[in-house]
Amino acid sequence: MFTPTNAYSGFSVADIPAAKKFYSDVLGLAVDENSMGFLTLRLESGATVLVYGKKNHLPASFTVLNFEVDDVEKAVDDLRERGVIFKRYDAIQQDAKGIMHGHGPDIAWFTDPSGNVMSVLSGQ
């Protein structure tokens, strides 16, 4: 019988050491590495995300991880100071910092070292 007690998301990366450094040092997340080389991102909410290496990694064509923040503009400024570069999309109207306003929550997108898309977005 299918009786789930826990669920979590996961995605691949091209380089585990680079991912570990990015998620821990740049984003400031708690990151554990197991004996198989998989990473577990531990969020303050108690949620976890599995990150695993893949030789033929292709970045997802969608946002794999969204970080809800109180103030998107301040989060973007803070992450820029840590070296994060925010994505610009031709089809989306974004301000000078790369933040989209007025079409749902304020949101700005960036990538990890393997090209996976992430975002910071305003609380809902």
PDB file of N, CA and C in Angstrom:
ATOM      1  N   MET A   1       0.841  -1.172   0.000  1.00  0.00           N
ATOM      2  CA  MET A   1       0.000   0.000   0.000  1.00  0.00           C
ATOM      3  C   MET A   1       0.895   1.246   0.000  1.00  0.00           C
ATOM      4  N   PHE A   2       0.516   2.241  -0.755  1.00  0.00           N
ATOM      5  CA  PHE A   2       1.263   3.503  -0.840  1.00  0.00           C
ATOM      6  C   PHE A   2       0.819   4.403   0.304  1.00  0.00           C
ATOM      7  N   THR A   3       1.694   4.575   1.291  1.00  0.00           N
ATOM      8  CA  THR A   3       1.394   5.438   2.432  1.00  0.00           C
ATOM      9  C   THR A   3       2.597   6.339   2.705  1.00  0.00           C
ATOM     10  N   PRO A   4       2.732   7.408   1.931  1.00  0.00           N
ATOM     11  CA  PRO A   4       3.899   8.277   2.096  1.00  0.00           C
ATOM     12  C   PRO A   4       3.855   9.037   3.421  1.00  0.00           C
ATOM     13  N   THR A   5       5.010   9.141   4.043  1.00  0.00           N
ATOM     14  CA  THR A   5       5.126   9.929   5.267  1.00  0.00           C
ATOM     15  C   THR A   5       5.990  11.163   5.053  1.00  0.00           C
ATOM     16  N   ASN A   6       6.713  11.177   3.949  1.00  0.00           N
ATOM     17  CA  ASN A   6       7.579  12.306   3.654  1.00  0.00           C
ATOM     18  C   ASN A   6       7.810  12.343   2.147  1.00  0.00           C
ATOM     19  N   ALA A   7       7.977  13.520   1.618  1.00  0.00           N
ATOM     20  CA  ALA A   7       8.309  13.683   0.205  1.00  0.00           C
ATOM     21  C   ALA A   7       9.296  14.835   0.085  1.00  0.00           C
ATOM     22  N   TYR A   8      10.117  14.778  -0.936  1.00  0.00           N
ATOM     23  CA  TYR A   8      11.056  15.856  -1.191  1.00  0.00           C
ATOM     24  C   TYR A   8      11.350  15.898  -2.674  1.00  0.00           C
ATOM     25  N   SER A   9      11.861  17.021  -3.108  1.00  0.00           N
ATOM     26  CA  SER A   9      12.190  17.203  -4.507  1.00  0.00           C
ATOM     27  C   SER A   9      13.683  16.984  -4.700  1.00  0.00           C
ATOM     28  N   GLY A  10      14.076  16.775  -5.928  1.00  0.00           N
ATOM     29  CA  GLY A  10      15.482  16.626  -6.231  1.00  0.00           C
ATOM     30  C   GLY A  10      15.776  17.018  -7.662  1.00  0.00           C
ATOM     31  N   PHE A  11      17.033  17.326  -7.921  1.00  0.00           N
ATOM     32  CA  PHE A  11      17.458  17.660  -9.273  1.00  0.00           C
ATOM     33  C   PHE A  11      18.944  17.382  -9.410  1.00  0.00           C
ATOM     34  N   SER A  12      19.407  17.304 -10.647  1.00  0.00           N
ATOM     35  CA  SER A  12      20.808  16.982 -10.903  1.00  0.00           C
ATOM     36  C   SER A  12      21.656  18.229 -11.107  1.00  0.00           C
ATOM     37  N   VAL A  13      22.951  18.024 -10.934  1.00  0.00           N
ATOM     38  CA  VAL A  13      23.946  19.051 -11.211  1.00  0.00           C
ATOM     39  C   VAL A  13      25.122  18.389 -11.935  1.00  0.00           C
ATOM     40  N   ALA A  14      25.920  19.204 -12.586  1.00  0.00           N
ATOM     41  CA  ALA A  14      27.081  18.680 -13.316  1.00  0.00           C
ATOM     42  C   ALA A  14      28.282  18.461 -12.411  1.00  0.00           C
ATOM     43  N   ASP A  15      28.361  19.209 -11.312  1.00  0.00           N
ATOM     44  CA  ASP A  15      29.565  19.222 -10.484  1.00  0.00           C
ATOM     45  C   ASP A  15      29.163  19.348  -9.012  1.00  0.00           C
ATOM     46  N   ILE A  16      29.257  18.260  -8.268  1.00  0.00           N
ATOM     47  CA  ILE A  16      28.849  18.255  -6.856  1.00  0.00           C
ATOM     48  C   ILE A  16      29.669  19.236  -6.007  1.00  0.00           C
ATOM     49  N   PRO A  17      31.019  19.263  -6.109  1.00  0.00           N
ATOM     50  CA  PRO A  17      31.764  20.222  -5.282  1.00  0.00           C
ATOM     51  C   PRO A  17      31.366  21.684  -5.554  1.00  0.00           C
ATOM     52  N   ALA A  18      31.164  22.041  -6.823  1.00  0.00           N
ATOM     53  CA  ALA A  18      30.744  23.413  -7.143  1.00  0.00           C
ATOM     54  C   ALA A  18      29.352  23.692  -6.595  1.00  0.00           C
ATOM     55  N   ALA A  19      28.468  22.711  -6.696  1.00  0.00           N
ATOM     56  CA  ALA A  19      27.114  22.875  -6.161  1.00  0.00           C
ATOM     57  C   ALA A  19      27.151  23.034  -4.650  1.00  0.00           C
ATOM     58  N   LYS A  20      27.935  22.211  -3.982  1.00  0.00           N
ATOM     59  CA  LYS A  20      28.020  22.293  -2.520  1.00  0.00           C
ATOM     60  C   LYS A  20      28.517  23.666  -2.089  1.00  0.00           C
ATOM     61  N   LYS A  21      29.533  24.164  -2.754  1.00  0.00           N
ATOM     62  CA  LYS A  21      30.080  25.494  -2.433  1.00  0.00           C
ATOM     63  C   LYS A  21      29.029  26.582  -2.675  1.00  0.00           C
ATOM     64  N   PHE A  22      28.332  26.510  -3.798  1.00  0.00           N
ATOM     65  CA  PHE A  22      27.321  27.508  -4.125  1.00  0.00           C
ATOM     66  C   PHE A  22      26.179  27.501  -3.101  1.00  0.00           C
ATOM     67  N   TYR A  23      25.636  26.317  -2.840  1.00  0.00           N
ATOM     68  CA  TYR A  23      24.487  26.243  -1.936  1.00  0.00           C
ATOM     69  C   TYR A  23      24.842  26.581  -0.499  1.00  0.00           C
ATOM     70  N   SER A  24      26.041  26.222  -0.066  1.00  0.00           N
ATOM     71  CA  SER A  24      26.418  26.529   1.315  1.00  0.00           C
ATOM     72  C   SER A  24      27.029  27.924   1.437  1.00  0.00           C
ATOM     73  N   ASP A  25      28.029  28.241   0.627  1.00  0.00           N
ATOM     74  CA  ASP A  25      28.750  29.503   0.788  1.00  0.00           C
ATOM     75  C   ASP A  25      28.024  30.711   0.206  1.00  0.00           C
ATOM     76  N   VAL A  26      27.394  30.547  -0.943  1.00  0.00           N
ATOM     77  CA  VAL A  26      26.734  31.683  -1.591  1.00  0.00           C
ATOM     78  C   VAL A  26      25.305  31.855  -1.079  1.00  0.00           C
ATOM     79  N   LEU A  27      24.534  30.765  -1.080  1.00  0.00           N
ATOM     80  CA  LEU A  27      23.139  30.874  -0.639  1.00  0.00           C
ATOM     81  C   LEU A  27      22.978  30.737   0.874  1.00  0.00           C
ATOM     82  N   GLY A  28      23.980  30.208   1.541  1.00  0.00           N
ATOM     83  CA  GLY A  28      23.927  30.109   2.997  1.00  0.00           C
ATOM     84  C   GLY A  28      23.029  28.998   3.524  1.00  0.00           C
ATOM     85  N   LEU A  29      22.822  27.960   2.725  1.00  0.00           N
ATOM     86  CA  LEU A  29      21.980  26.847   3.152  1.00  0.00           C
ATOM     87  C   LEU A  29      22.800  25.817   3.918  1.00  0.00           C
ATOM     88  N   ALA A  30      22.132  25.070   4.779  1.00  0.00           N
ATOM     89  CA  ALA A  30      22.761  23.919   5.421  1.00  0.00           C
ATOM     90  C   ALA A  30      22.810  22.812   4.377  1.00  0.00           C
ATOM     91  N   VAL A  31      24.001  22.266   4.122  1.00  0.00           N
ATOM     92  CA  VAL A  31      24.187  21.259   3.091  1.00  0.00           C
ATOM     93  C   VAL A  31      24.905  20.056   3.694  1.00  0.00           C
ATOM     94  N   ASP A  32      24.291  18.886   3.551  1.00  0.00           N
ATOM     95  CA  ASP A  32      24.911  17.639   3.979  1.00  0.00           C
ATOM     96  C   ASP A  32      25.308  16.857   2.732  1.00  0.00           C
ATOM     97  N   GLU A  33      26.402  16.112   2.822  1.00  0.00           N
ATOM     98  CA  GLU A  33      26.825  15.238   1.731  1.00  0.00           C
ATOM     99  C   GLU A  33      26.892  13.816   2.267  1.00  0.00           C
ATOM    100  N   ASN A  34      26.246  12.877   1.567  1.00  0.00           N
ATOM    101  CA  ASN A  34      26.259  11.498   2.044  1.00  0.00           C
ATOM    102  C   ASN A  34      27.399  10.707   1.400  1.00  0.00           C
ATOM    103  N   SER A  35      27.523   9.451   1.764  1.00  0.00           N
ATOM    104  CA  SER A  35      28.628   8.627   1.287  1.00  0.00           C
ATOM    105  C   SER A  35      28.578   8.355  -0.214  1.00  0.00           C
ATOM    106  N   MET A  36      27.406   8.549  -0.840  1.00  0.00           N
ATOM    107  CA  MET A  36      27.280   8.356  -2.289  1.00  0.00           C
ATOM    108  C   MET A  36      27.573   9.650  -3.051  1.00  0.00           C
ATOM    109  N   GLY A  37      27.868  10.736  -2.319  1.00  0.00           N
ATOM    110  CA  GLY A  37      28.149  12.011  -2.964  1.00  0.00           C
ATOM    111  C   GLY A  37      26.917  12.842  -3.250  1.00  0.00           C
ATOM    112  N   PHE A  38      25.764  12.434  -2.764  1.00  0.00           N
ATOM    113  CA  PHE A  38      24.547  13.220  -2.929  1.00  0.00           C
ATOM    114  C   PHE A  38      24.535  14.328  -1.881  1.00  0.00           C
ATOM    115  N   LEU A  39      23.950  15.458  -2.253  1.00  0.00           N
ATOM    116  CA  LEU A  39      23.787  16.560  -1.318  1.00  0.00           C
ATOM    117  C   LEU A  39      22.336  16.610  -0.848  1.00  0.00           C
ATOM    118  N   THR A  40      22.153  16.995   0.386  1.00  0.00           N
ATOM    119  CA  THR A  40      20.822  17.307   0.899  1.00  0.00           C
ATOM    120  C   THR A  40      20.848  18.747   1.350  1.00  0.00           C
ATOM    121  N   LEU A  41      19.987  19.564   0.738  1.00  0.00           N
ATOM    122  CA  LEU A  41      19.832  20.951   1.154  1.00  0.00           C
ATOM    123  C   LEU A  41      18.784  20.960   2.253  1.00  0.00           C
ATOM    124  N   ARG A  42      19.114  21.534   3.395  1.00  0.00           N
ATOM    125  CA  ARG A  42      18.191  21.575   4.523  1.00  0.00           C
ATOM    126  C   ARG A  42      17.722  23.017   4.715  1.00  0.00           C
ATOM    127  N   LEU A  43      16.431  23.219   4.519  1.00  0.00           N
ATOM    128  CA  LEU A  43      15.856  24.558   4.628  1.00  0.00           C
ATOM    129  C   LEU A  43      15.336  24.794   6.038  1.00  0.00           C
ATOM    130  N   GLU A  44      15.249  26.060   6.442  1.00  0.00           N
ATOM    131  CA  GLU A  44      14.785  26.394   7.787  1.00  0.00           C
ATOM    132  C   GLU A  44      13.380  25.877   8.063  1.00  0.00           C
ATOM    133  N   SER A  45      12.579  25.705   7.043  1.00  0.00           N
ATOM    134  CA  SER A  45      11.209  25.211   7.202  1.00  0.00           C
ATOM    135  C   SER A  45      11.178  23.737   7.589  1.00  0.00           C
ATOM    136  N   GLY A  46      12.320  23.062   7.465  1.00  0.00           N
ATOM    137  CA  GLY A  46      12.380  21.632   7.709  1.00  0.00           C
ATOM    138  C   GLY A  46      12.363  20.823   6.418  1.00  0.00           C
ATOM    139  N   ALA A  47      12.053  21.471   5.308  1.00  0.00           N
ATOM    140  CA  ALA A  47      12.045  20.792   4.010  1.00  0.00           C
ATOM    141  C   ALA A  47      13.471  20.451   3.595  1.00  0.00           C
ATOM    142  N   THR A  48      13.595  19.418   2.780  1.00  0.00           N
ATOM    143  CA  THR A  48      14.895  19.040   2.236  1.00  0.00           C
ATOM    144  C   THR A  48      14.783  18.905   0.724  1.00  0.00           C
ATOM    145  N   VAL A  49      15.913  19.085   0.062  1.00  0.00           N
ATOM    146  CA  VAL A  49      15.995  18.949  -1.387  1.00  0.00           C
ATOM    147  C   VAL A  49      17.229  18.095  -1.689  1.00  0.00           C
ATOM    148  N   LEU A  50      17.056  17.081  -2.516  1.00  0.00           N
ATOM    149  CA  LEU A  50      18.153  16.206  -2.920  1.00  0.00           C
ATOM    150  C   LEU A  50      18.825  16.777  -4.161  1.00  0.00           C
ATOM    151  N   VAL A  51      20.145  16.854  -4.136  1.00  0.00           N
ATOM    152  CA  VAL A  51      20.932  17.305  -5.286  1.00  0.00           C
ATOM    153  C   VAL A  51      21.935  16.198  -5.587  1.00  0.00           C
ATOM    154  N   TYR A  52      21.921  15.719  -6.822  1.00  0.00           N
ATOM    155  CA  TYR A  52      22.790  14.601  -7.186  1.00  0.00           C
ATOM    156  C   TYR A  52      23.550  14.921  -8.466  1.00  0.00           C
ATOM    157  N   GLY A  53      24.745  14.380  -8.564  1.00  0.00           N
ATOM    158  CA  GLY A  53      25.563  14.588  -9.747  1.00  0.00           C
ATOM    159  C   GLY A  53      25.115  13.693 -10.894  1.00  0.00           C
ATOM    160  N   LYS A  54      25.227  14.219 -12.093  1.00  0.00           N
ATOM    161  CA  LYS A  54      24.864  13.460 -13.288  1.00  0.00           C
ATOM    162  C   LYS A  54      25.870  13.802 -14.380  1.00  0.00           C
ATOM    163  N   LYS A  55      26.504  12.789 -14.953  1.00  0.00           N
ATOM    164  CA  LYS A  55      27.541  13.024 -15.960  1.00  0.00           C
ATOM    165  C   LYS A  55      27.040  13.829 -17.155  1.00  0.00           C
ATOM    166  N   ASN A  56      25.884  13.483 -17.669  1.00  0.00           N
ATOM    167  CA  ASN A  56      25.337  14.179 -18.838  1.00  0.00           C
ATOM    168  C   ASN A  56      24.264  15.172 -18.428  1.00  0.00           C
ATOM    169  N   HIS A  57      24.516  15.893 -17.350  1.00  0.00           N
ATOM    170  CA  HIS A  57      23.542  16.852 -16.814  1.00  0.00           C
ATOM    171  C   HIS A  57      23.125  17.870 -17.874  1.00  0.00           C
ATOM    172  N   LEU A  58      21.846  18.088 -17.962  1.00  0.00           N
ATOM    173  CA  LEU A  58      21.282  19.189 -18.741  1.00  0.00           C
ATOM    174  C   LEU A  58      20.445  20.014 -17.781  1.00  0.00           C
ATOM    175  N   PRO A  59      20.653  21.329 -17.728  1.00  0.00           N
ATOM    176  CA  PRO A  59      19.858  22.143 -16.807  1.00  0.00           C
ATOM    177  C   PRO A  59      18.368  22.014 -17.122  1.00  0.00           C
ATOM    178  N   ALA A  60      17.576  22.048 -16.090  1.00  0.00           N
ATOM    179  CA  ALA A  60      16.128  22.016 -16.279  1.00  0.00           C
ATOM    180  C   ALA A  60      15.690  23.254 -17.054  1.00  0.00           C
ATOM    181  N   SER A  61      14.646  23.109 -17.837  1.00  0.00           N
ATOM    182  CA  SER A  61      14.131  24.240 -18.622  1.00  0.00           C
ATOM    183  C   SER A  61      13.060  25.002 -17.844  1.00  0.00           C
ATOM    184  N   PHE A  62      13.003  24.782 -16.558  1.00  0.00           N
ATOM    185  CA  PHE A  62      12.004  25.407 -15.689  1.00  0.00           C
ATOM    186  C   PHE A  62      12.670  25.712 -14.347  1.00  0.00           C
ATOM    187  N   THR A  63      11.990  26.461 -13.503  1.00  0.00           N
ATOM    188  CA  THR A  63      12.516  26.793 -12.184  1.00  0.00           C
ATOM    189  C   THR A  63      12.441  25.565 -11.287  1.00  0.00           C
ATOM    190  N   VAL A  64      13.587  25.122 -10.772  1.00  0.00           N
ATOM    191  CA  VAL A  64      13.616  23.919  -9.943  1.00  0.00           C
ATOM    192  C   VAL A  64      13.493  24.215  -8.458  1.00  0.00           C
ATOM    193  N   LEU A  65      13.785  25.454  -8.052  1.00  0.00           N
ATOM    194  CA  LEU A  65      13.749  25.789  -6.639  1.00  0.00           C
ATOM    195  C   LEU A  65      13.389  27.256  -6.477  1.00  0.00           C
ATOM    196  N   ASN A  66      12.378  27.529  -5.662  1.00  0.00           N
ATOM    197  CA  ASN A  66      11.916  28.888  -5.388  1.00  0.00           C
ATOM    198  C   ASN A  66      12.165  29.207  -3.921  1.00  0.00           C
ATOM    199  N   PHE A  67      12.774  30.336  -3.664  1.00  0.00           N
ATOM    200  CA  PHE A  67      13.019  30.779  -2.296  1.00  0.00           C
ATOM    201  C   PHE A  67      12.086  31.943  -1.987  1.00  0.00           C
ATOM    202  N   GLU A  68      11.168  31.731  -1.072  1.00  0.00           N
ATOM    203  CA  GLU A  68      10.235  32.791  -0.674  1.00  0.00           C
ATOM    204  C   GLU A  68      10.953  33.718   0.302  1.00  0.00           C
ATOM    205  N   VAL A  69      10.882  35.016   0.017  1.00  0.00           N
ATOM    206  CA  VAL A  69      11.557  36.026   0.845  1.00  0.00           C
ATOM    207  C   VAL A  69      10.582  37.143   1.186  1.00  0.00           C
ATOM    208  N   ASP A  70      10.903  37.884   2.224  1.00  0.00           N
ATOM    209  CA  ASP A  70      10.050  39.007   2.630  1.00  0.00           C
ATOM    210  C   ASP A  70      10.164  40.190   1.683  1.00  0.00           C
ATOM    211  N   ASP A  71      11.363  40.411   1.155  1.00  0.00           N
ATOM    212  CA  ASP A  71      11.613  41.575   0.295  1.00  0.00           C
ATOM    213  C   ASP A  71      12.504  41.125  -0.867  1.00  0.00           C
ATOM    214  N   VAL A  72      11.919  41.001  -2.047  1.00  0.00           N
ATOM    215  CA  VAL A  72      12.658  40.507  -3.209  1.00  0.00           C
ATOM    216  C   VAL A  72      13.808  41.451  -3.567  1.00  0.00           C
ATOM    217  N   GLU A  73      13.562  42.748  -3.524  1.00  0.00           N
ATOM    218  CA  GLU A  73      14.606  43.700  -3.896  1.00  0.00           C
ATOM    219  C   GLU A  73      15.822  43.571  -2.981  1.00  0.00           C
ATOM    220  N   LYS A  74      15.589  43.475  -1.672  1.00  0.00           N
ATOM    221  CA  LYS A  74      16.706  43.313  -0.731  1.00  0.00           C
ATOM    222  C   LYS A  74      17.404  41.971  -0.942  1.00  0.00           C
ATOM    223  N   ALA A  75      16.647  40.925  -1.209  1.00  0.00           N
ATOM    224  CA  ALA A  75      17.247  39.606  -1.462  1.00  0.00           C
ATOM    225  C   ALA A  75      18.113  39.651  -2.710  1.00  0.00           C
ATOM    226  N   VAL A  76      17.631  40.300  -3.766  1.00  0.00           N
ATOM    227  CA  VAL A  76      18.411  40.418  -5.004  1.00  0.00           C
ATOM    228  C   VAL A  76      19.696  41.196  -4.733  1.00  0.00           C
ATOM    229  N   ASP A  77      19.594  42.306  -4.009  1.00  0.00           N
ATOM    230  CA  ASP A  77      20.795  43.087  -3.686  1.00  0.00           C
ATOM    231  C   ASP A  77      21.801  42.250  -2.900  1.00  0.00           C
ATOM    232  N   ASP A  78      21.319  41.509  -1.902  1.00  0.00           N
ATOM    233  CA  ASP A  78      22.191  40.676  -1.077  1.00  0.00           C
ATOM    234  C   ASP A  78      22.866  39.592  -1.918  1.00  0.00           C
ATOM    235  N   LEU A  79      22.088  38.915  -2.750  1.00  0.00           N
ATOM    236  CA  LEU A  79      22.667  37.853  -3.577  1.00  0.00           C
ATOM    237  C   LEU A  79      23.635  38.401  -4.622  1.00  0.00           C
ATOM    238  N   ARG A  80      23.349  39.568  -5.173  1.00  0.00           N
ATOM    239  CA  ARG A  80      24.287  40.195  -6.120  1.00  0.00           C
ATOM    240  C   ARG A  80      25.628  40.455  -5.441  1.00  0.00           C
ATOM    241  N   GLU A  81      25.586  40.917  -4.182  1.00  0.00           N
ATOM    242  CA  GLU A  81      26.822  41.165  -3.436  1.00  0.00           C
ATOM    243  C   GLU A  81      27.612  39.872  -3.237  1.00  0.00           C
ATOM    244  N   ARG A  82      26.928  38.727  -3.252  1.00  0.00           N
ATOM    245  CA  ARG A  82      27.578  37.427  -3.094  1.00  0.00           C
ATOM    246  C   ARG A  82      28.003  36.841  -4.445  1.00  0.00           C
ATOM    247  N   GLY A  83      27.778  37.595  -5.531  1.00  0.00           N
ATOM    248  CA  GLY A  83      28.229  37.165  -6.850  1.00  0.00           C
ATOM    249  C   GLY A  83      27.180  36.508  -7.723  1.00  0.00           C
ATOM    250  N   VAL A  84      25.928  36.456  -7.268  1.00  0.00           N
ATOM    251  CA  VAL A  84      24.862  35.844  -8.059  1.00  0.00           C
ATOM    252  C   VAL A  84      24.473  36.786  -9.198  1.00  0.00           C
ATOM    253  N   ILE A  85      24.323  36.229 -10.381  1.00  0.00           N
ATOM    254  CA  ILE A  85      23.896  36.998 -11.561  1.00  0.00           C
ATOM    255  C   ILE A  85      22.447  36.623 -11.863  1.00  0.00           C
ATOM    256  N   PHE A  86      21.606  37.618 -12.005  1.00  0.00           N
ATOM    257  CA  PHE A  86      20.191  37.366 -12.252  1.00  0.00           C
ATOM    258  C   PHE A  86      19.898  37.303 -13.740  1.00  0.00           C
ATOM    259  N   LYS A  87      18.987  36.399 -14.077  1.00  0.00           N
ATOM    260  CA  LYS A  87      18.624  36.139 -15.475  1.00  0.00           C
ATOM    261  C   LYS A  87      17.683  37.218 -15.998  1.00  0.00           C
ATOM    262  N   ARG A  88      17.797  37.449 -17.284  1.00  0.00           N
ATOM    263  CA  ARG A  88      16.856  38.330 -17.972  1.00  0.00           C
ATOM    264  C   ARG A  88      16.187  37.500 -19.061  1.00  0.00           C
ATOM    265  N   TYR A  89      14.888  37.672 -19.180  1.00  0.00           N
ATOM    266  CA  TYR A  89      14.113  36.964 -20.194  1.00  0.00           C
ATOM    267  C   TYR A  89      13.518  37.985 -21.153  1.00  0.00           C
ATOM    268  N   ASP A  90      13.685  37.747 -22.450  1.00  0.00           N
ATOM    269  CA  ASP A  90      13.174  38.669 -23.460  1.00  0.00           C
ATOM    270  C   ASP A  90      11.658  38.844 -23.383  1.00  0.00           C
ATOM    271  N   ALA A  91      10.950  37.795 -23.091  1.00  0.00           N
ATOM    272  CA  ALA A  91       9.484  37.825 -23.119  1.00  0.00           C
ATOM    273  C   ALA A  91       8.864  38.334 -21.820  1.00  0.00           C
ATOM    274  N   ILE A  92       9.688  38.668 -20.830  1.00  0.00           N
ATOM    275  CA  ILE A  92       9.164  39.099 -19.529  1.00  0.00           C
ATOM    276  C   ILE A  92       9.689  40.492 -19.218  1.00  0.00           C
ATOM    277  N   GLN A  93       8.808  41.368 -18.787  1.00  0.00           N
ATOM    278  CA  GLN A  93       9.222  42.719 -18.417  1.00  0.00           C
ATOM    279  C   GLN A  93       9.799  42.680 -17.000  1.00  0.00           C
ATOM    280  N   GLN A  94      11.076  43.052 -16.901  1.00  0.00           N
ATOM    281  CA  GLN A  94      11.779  43.055 -15.623  1.00  0.00           C
ATOM    282  C   GLN A  94      12.404  44.425 -15.403  1.00  0.00           C
ATOM    283  N   ASP A  95      12.563  44.812 -14.135  1.00  0.00           N
ATOM    284  CA  ASP A  95      13.201  46.091 -13.852  1.00  0.00           C
ATOM    285  C   ASP A  95      14.715  45.969 -14.023  1.00  0.00           C
ATOM    286  N   ALA A  96      15.440  47.024 -13.694  1.00  0.00           N
ATOM    287  CA  ALA A  96      16.890  47.057 -13.901  1.00  0.00           C
ATOM    288  C   ALA A  96      17.624  45.976 -13.110  1.00  0.00           C
ATOM    289  N   LYS A  97      17.036  45.513 -12.010  1.00  0.00           N
ATOM    290  CA  LYS A  97      17.661  44.467 -11.195  1.00  0.00           C
ATOM    291  C   LYS A  97      17.279  43.068 -11.654  1.00  0.00           C
ATOM    292  N   GLY A  98      16.364  42.974 -12.603  1.00  0.00           N
ATOM    293  CA  GLY A  98      15.922  41.677 -13.079  1.00  0.00           C
ATOM    294  C   GLY A  98      14.673  41.164 -12.379  1.00  0.00           C
ATOM    295  N   ILE A  99      13.971  42.028 -11.663  1.00  0.00           N
ATOM    296  CA  ILE A  99      12.767  41.636 -10.922  1.00  0.00           C
ATOM    297  C   ILE A  99      11.529  41.877 -11.772  1.00  0.00           C
ATOM    298  N   MET A 100      10.668  40.890 -11.843  1.00  0.00           N
ATOM    299  CA  MET A 100       9.382  41.050 -12.509  1.00  0.00           C
ATOM    300  C   MET A 100       8.360  41.468 -11.454  1.00  0.00           C
ATOM    301  N   HIS A 101       7.634  42.533 -11.754  1.00  0.00           N
ATOM    302  CA  HIS A 101       6.605  43.052 -10.847  1.00  0.00           C
ATOM    303  C   HIS A 101       5.245  42.990 -11.533  1.00  0.00           C
ATOM    304  N   GLY A 102       4.194  42.821 -10.751  1.00  0.00           N
ATOM    305  CA  GLY A 102       2.840  43.022 -11.241  1.00  0.00           C
ATOM    306  C   GLY A 102       2.179  41.866 -11.971  1.00  0.00           C
ATOM    307  N   HIS A 103       2.823  40.738 -12.074  1.00  0.00           N
ATOM    308  CA  HIS A 103       2.225  39.568 -12.738  1.00  0.00           C
ATOM    309  C   HIS A 103       2.364  38.378 -11.793  1.00  0.00           C
ATOM    310  N   GLY A 104       1.646  38.423 -10.699  1.00  0.00           N
ATOM    311  CA  GLY A 104       1.834  37.447  -9.638  1.00  0.00           C
ATOM    312  C   GLY A 104       2.814  38.029  -8.635  1.00  0.00           C
ATOM    313  N   PRO A 105       3.469  37.173  -7.862  1.00  0.00           N
ATOM    314  CA  PRO A 105       4.420  37.707  -6.871  1.00  0.00           C
ATOM    315  C   PRO A 105       5.627  38.321  -7.570  1.00  0.00           C
ATOM    316  N   ASP A 106       6.234  39.320  -6.917  1.00  0.00           N
ATOM    317  CA  ASP A 106       7.506  39.839  -7.419  1.00  0.00           C
ATOM    318  C   ASP A 106       8.483  38.668  -7.432  1.00  0.00           C
ATOM    319  N   ILE A 107       9.261  38.555  -8.498  1.00  0.00           N
ATOM    320  CA  ILE A 107      10.138  37.390  -8.650  1.00  0.00           C
ATOM    321  C   ILE A 107      11.358  37.754  -9.484  1.00  0.00           C
ATOM    322  N   ALA A 108      12.497  37.148  -9.144  1.00  0.00           N
ATOM    323  CA  ALA A 108      13.733  37.302  -9.919  1.00  0.00           C
ATOM    324  C   ALA A 108      14.393  35.929 -10.001  1.00  0.00           C
ATOM    325  N   TRP A 109      14.956  35.621 -11.156  1.00  0.00           N
ATOM    326  CA  TRP A 109      15.527  34.301 -11.419  1.00  0.00           C
ATOM    327  C   TRP A 109      17.043  34.361 -11.513  1.00  0.00           C
ATOM    328  N   PHE A 110      17.685  33.273 -11.098  1.00  0.00           N
ATOM    329  CA  PHE A 110      19.133  33.120 -11.211  1.00  0.00           C
ATOM    330  C   PHE A 110      19.422  31.644 -11.414  1.00  0.00           C
ATOM    331  N   THR A 111      20.683  31.312 -11.668  1.00  0.00           N
ATOM    332  CA  THR A 111      21.037  29.904 -11.878  1.00  0.00           C
ATOM    333  C   THR A 111      22.130  29.475 -10.901  1.00  0.00           C
ATOM    334  N   ASP A 112      22.174  28.169 -10.668  1.00  0.00           N
ATOM    335  CA  ASP A 112      23.278  27.598  -9.908  1.00  0.00           C
ATOM    336  C   ASP A 112      24.435  27.358 -10.885  1.00  0.00           C
ATOM    337  N   PRO A 113      25.584  26.884 -10.415  1.00  0.00           N
ATOM    338  CA  PRO A 113      26.724  26.685 -11.324  1.00  0.00           C
ATOM    339  C   PRO A 113      26.454  25.697 -12.463  1.00  0.00           C
ATOM    340  N   SER A 114      25.439  24.850 -12.326  1.00  0.00           N
ATOM    341  CA  SER A 114      25.104  23.884 -13.384  1.00  0.00           C
ATOM    342  C   SER A 114      24.012  24.390 -14.318  1.00  0.00           C
ATOM    343  N   GLY A 115      23.581  25.626 -14.143  1.00  0.00           N
ATOM    344  CA  GLY A 115      22.575  26.210 -15.022  1.00  0.00           C
ATOM    345  C   GLY A 115      21.132  25.954 -14.622  1.00  0.00           C
ATOM    346  N   ASN A 116      20.897  25.315 -13.477  1.00  0.00           N
ATOM    347  CA  ASN A 116      19.525  25.109 -13.009  1.00  0.00           C
ATOM    348  C   ASN A 116      18.936  26.432 -12.553  1.00  0.00           C
ATOM    349  N   VAL A 117      17.715  26.693 -12.961  1.00  0.00           N
ATOM    350  CA  VAL A 117      17.068  27.972 -12.654  1.00  0.00           C
ATOM    351  C   VAL A 117      16.423  27.916 -11.272  1.00  0.00           C
ATOM    352  N   MET A 118      16.644  28.973 -10.507  1.00  0.00           N
ATOM    353  CA  MET A 118      16.074  29.174  -9.181  1.00  0.00           C
ATOM    354  C   MET A 118      15.459  30.559  -9.152  1.00  0.00           C
ATOM    355  N   SER A 119      14.690  30.844  -8.117  1.00  0.00           N
ATOM    356  CA  SER A 119      14.147  32.190  -7.992  1.00  0.00           C
ATOM    357  C   SER A 119      14.061  32.617  -6.541  1.00  0.00           C
ATOM    358  N   VAL A 120      14.001  33.928  -6.363  1.00  0.00           N
ATOM    359  CA  VAL A 120      13.551  34.522  -5.116  1.00  0.00           C
ATOM    360  C   VAL A 120      12.233  35.188  -5.455  1.00  0.00           C
ATOM    361  N   LEU A 121      11.235  34.980  -4.608  1.00  0.00           N
ATOM    362  CA  LEU A 121       9.931  35.572  -4.869  1.00  0.00           C
ATOM    363  C   LEU A 121       9.295  36.020  -3.574  1.00  0.00           C
ATOM    364  N   SER A 122       8.397  37.002  -3.695  1.00  0.00           N
ATOM    365  CA  SER A 122       7.747  37.542  -2.512  1.00  0.00           C
ATOM    366  C   SER A 122       6.782  36.530  -1.912  1.00  0.00           C
ATOM    367  N   GLY A 123       6.647  36.600  -0.573  1.00  0.00           N
ATOM    368  CA  GLY A 123       5.735  35.709   0.131  1.00  0.00           C
ATOM    369  C   GLY A 123       4.316  35.879  -0.359  1.00  0.00           C
ATOM    370  N   GLN A 124       3.577  34.816  -0.291  1.00  0.00           N
ATOM    371  CA  GLN A 124       2.225  34.836  -0.855  1.00  0.00           C
ATOM    372  C   GLN A 124       1.166  35.011   0.195  1.00  0.00           C
TER     373      GLN A 124
END
